[in-house]
């Protein structure tokens, strides 16, 4: 059986909604290593949400 790889898409994620940060943190803690981000996603809010999740996870 081949390995399965999953990613986390951040389209429409908003940094103001803690549920998004919790979901991303949950995914990162369980092995997600691919996070799809783009400056087109929510006007840069997706990048801020990823940064917040990574910062929260590191502390």
N, C-alpha and C. Protein backbone atom coordinates (compact mmCIF):
# COMPACT_ATOMS: atom_id res chain seq x y z
N UNK A 1 0.84 -1.17 0.00
CA UNK A 1 0.00 0.00 0.00
C UNK A 1 0.89 1.24 0.00
N UNK A 2 0.53 2.21 -0.78
CA UNK A 2 1.28 3.46 -0.85
C UNK A 2 0.93 4.36 0.33
N UNK A 3 1.87 5.22 0.66
CA UNK A 3 1.60 6.21 1.71
C UNK A 3 0.57 7.21 1.22
N UNK A 4 -0.26 7.67 2.12
CA UNK A 4 -1.24 8.70 1.80
C UNK A 4 -0.76 10.04 2.35
N UNK A 5 -0.92 11.07 1.58
CA UNK A 5 -0.52 12.40 2.00
C UNK A 5 -1.72 13.33 1.93
N UNK A 6 -1.88 14.12 2.96
CA UNK A 6 -2.97 15.06 3.02
C UNK A 6 -2.43 16.46 3.24
N UNK A 7 -3.20 17.43 2.83
CA UNK A 7 -2.83 18.82 3.04
C UNK A 7 -3.98 19.58 3.67
N UNK A 8 -3.73 20.82 3.98
CA UNK A 8 -4.74 21.68 4.60
C UNK A 8 -4.88 22.91 3.74
N UNK A 9 -6.05 23.12 3.17
CA UNK A 9 -6.32 24.29 2.34
C UNK A 9 -6.79 25.45 3.19
N UNK A 10 -6.34 26.64 2.86
CA UNK A 10 -6.68 27.81 3.68
C UNK A 10 -7.57 28.82 2.96
N UNK A 11 -8.17 28.42 1.86
CA UNK A 11 -9.05 29.34 1.14
C UNK A 11 -10.22 29.74 2.04
N UNK A 12 -10.44 31.01 2.19
CA UNK A 12 -11.50 31.61 3.02
C UNK A 12 -11.28 31.51 4.52
N UNK A 13 -10.10 31.17 4.94
CA UNK A 13 -9.80 31.15 6.38
C UNK A 13 -9.60 32.58 6.86
N UNK A 14 -10.18 32.88 7.98
CA UNK A 14 -10.05 34.21 8.59
C UNK A 14 -9.38 34.09 9.94
N UNK A 15 -8.43 34.97 10.18
CA UNK A 15 -7.68 34.94 11.44
C UNK A 15 -8.57 35.32 12.62
N UNK A 16 -9.65 36.04 12.39
CA UNK A 16 -10.54 36.47 13.48
C UNK A 16 -11.40 35.35 14.04
N UNK A 17 -11.51 34.25 13.30
CA UNK A 17 -12.34 33.13 13.76
C UNK A 17 -11.44 32.06 14.39
N UNK A 18 -11.51 31.89 15.71
CA UNK A 18 -10.63 30.93 16.38
C UNK A 18 -10.83 29.48 15.92
N UNK A 19 -11.97 29.14 15.37
CA UNK A 19 -12.20 27.77 14.90
C UNK A 19 -11.24 27.40 13.77
N UNK A 20 -10.91 28.36 12.92
CA UNK A 20 -9.97 28.10 11.84
C UNK A 20 -8.57 27.81 12.39
N UNK A 21 -8.17 28.61 13.37
CA UNK A 21 -6.85 28.43 13.98
C UNK A 21 -6.80 27.08 14.70
N UNK A 22 -7.87 26.74 15.40
CA UNK A 22 -7.94 25.45 16.10
C UNK A 22 -7.86 24.29 15.11
N UNK A 23 -8.56 24.39 13.99
CA UNK A 23 -8.55 23.31 12.99
C UNK A 23 -7.16 23.14 12.38
N UNK A 24 -6.51 24.25 12.07
CA UNK A 24 -5.17 24.18 11.50
C UNK A 24 -4.18 23.64 12.52
N UNK A 25 -4.27 24.09 13.75
CA UNK A 25 -3.39 23.59 14.80
C UNK A 25 -3.59 22.09 14.99
N UNK A 26 -4.83 21.65 15.00
CA UNK A 26 -5.17 20.22 15.12
C UNK A 26 -4.52 19.43 13.98
N UNK A 27 -4.64 19.94 12.77
CA UNK A 27 -4.07 19.25 11.61
C UNK A 27 -2.54 19.18 11.71
N UNK A 28 -1.92 20.27 12.10
CA UNK A 28 -0.46 20.30 12.24
C UNK A 28 0.02 19.32 13.31
N UNK A 29 -0.71 19.25 14.41
CA UNK A 29 -0.33 18.34 15.48
C UNK A 29 -0.46 16.87 15.08
N UNK A 30 -1.25 16.61 14.07
CA UNK A 30 -1.47 15.24 13.62
C UNK A 30 -0.72 14.89 12.35
N UNK A 31 0.21 15.75 11.97
CA UNK A 31 1.11 15.38 10.88
C UNK A 31 0.93 16.07 9.55
N UNK A 32 -0.03 16.96 9.43
CA UNK A 32 -0.17 17.68 8.16
C UNK A 32 1.09 18.49 7.93
N UNK A 33 1.67 18.36 6.75
CA UNK A 33 2.89 19.09 6.42
C UNK A 33 2.73 19.97 5.19
N UNK A 34 1.60 19.86 4.50
CA UNK A 34 1.33 20.69 3.34
C UNK A 34 0.20 21.64 3.69
N UNK A 35 0.49 22.92 3.65
CA UNK A 35 -0.52 23.95 3.91
C UNK A 35 -0.58 24.83 2.68
N UNK A 36 -1.73 24.84 2.03
CA UNK A 36 -1.93 25.62 0.81
C UNK A 36 -2.33 27.05 1.18
N UNK A 37 -1.45 28.01 0.89
CA UNK A 37 -1.76 29.41 1.15
C UNK A 37 -1.49 30.24 -0.09
N UNK A 38 -2.14 31.38 -0.16
CA UNK A 38 -1.95 32.32 -1.26
C UNK A 38 -2.37 33.70 -0.79
N UNK A 39 -1.69 34.71 -1.28
CA UNK A 39 -2.09 36.07 -0.92
C UNK A 39 -3.48 36.39 -1.44
N UNK A 40 -3.96 35.61 -2.39
CA UNK A 40 -5.32 35.81 -2.90
C UNK A 40 -6.38 35.28 -1.94
N UNK A 41 -5.98 34.45 -1.00
CA UNK A 41 -6.93 33.86 -0.06
C UNK A 41 -7.19 34.86 1.06
N UNK A 42 -8.37 35.43 1.05
CA UNK A 42 -8.84 36.33 2.12
C UNK A 42 -7.93 37.55 2.28
N UNK A 43 -7.36 38.01 1.18
CA UNK A 43 -6.56 39.23 1.23
C UNK A 43 -5.36 39.15 2.15
N UNK A 44 -4.75 37.98 2.26
CA UNK A 44 -3.58 37.81 3.12
C UNK A 44 -3.92 37.29 4.50
N UNK A 45 -5.20 37.20 4.82
CA UNK A 45 -5.60 36.71 6.14
C UNK A 45 -5.22 35.24 6.33
N UNK A 46 -5.18 34.48 5.24
CA UNK A 46 -4.79 33.07 5.33
C UNK A 46 -3.36 32.94 5.86
N UNK A 47 -2.46 33.78 5.37
CA UNK A 47 -1.08 33.74 5.85
C UNK A 47 -0.99 34.11 7.32
N UNK A 48 -1.75 35.11 7.71
CA UNK A 48 -1.77 35.51 9.12
C UNK A 48 -2.32 34.39 10.00
N UNK A 49 -3.33 33.68 9.52
CA UNK A 49 -3.91 32.57 10.27
C UNK A 49 -2.89 31.43 10.42
N UNK A 50 -2.17 31.12 9.35
CA UNK A 50 -1.14 30.08 9.41
C UNK A 50 -0.04 30.49 10.38
N UNK A 51 0.38 31.73 10.30
CA UNK A 51 1.42 32.22 11.23
C UNK A 51 0.96 32.12 12.67
N UNK A 52 -0.29 32.48 12.93
CA UNK A 52 -0.82 32.40 14.29
C UNK A 52 -0.88 30.95 14.77
N UNK A 53 -1.33 30.05 13.91
CA UNK A 53 -1.40 28.63 14.28
C UNK A 53 0.00 28.08 14.57
N UNK A 54 0.97 28.43 13.74
CA UNK A 54 2.32 27.95 13.96
C UNK A 54 2.92 28.55 15.24
N UNK A 55 2.66 29.81 15.48
CA UNK A 55 3.16 30.47 16.69
C UNK A 55 2.52 29.85 17.92
N UNK A 56 1.23 29.62 17.87
CA UNK A 56 0.50 29.03 18.99
C UNK A 56 1.02 27.62 19.26
N UNK A 57 1.29 26.89 18.21
CA UNK A 57 1.76 25.50 18.33
C UNK A 57 3.16 25.43 18.92
N UNK A 58 3.97 26.41 18.66
CA UNK A 58 5.37 26.42 19.13
C UNK A 58 5.49 26.85 20.58
N UNK A 59 4.46 27.41 21.17
CA UNK A 59 4.55 27.91 22.56
C UNK A 59 3.87 26.98 23.52
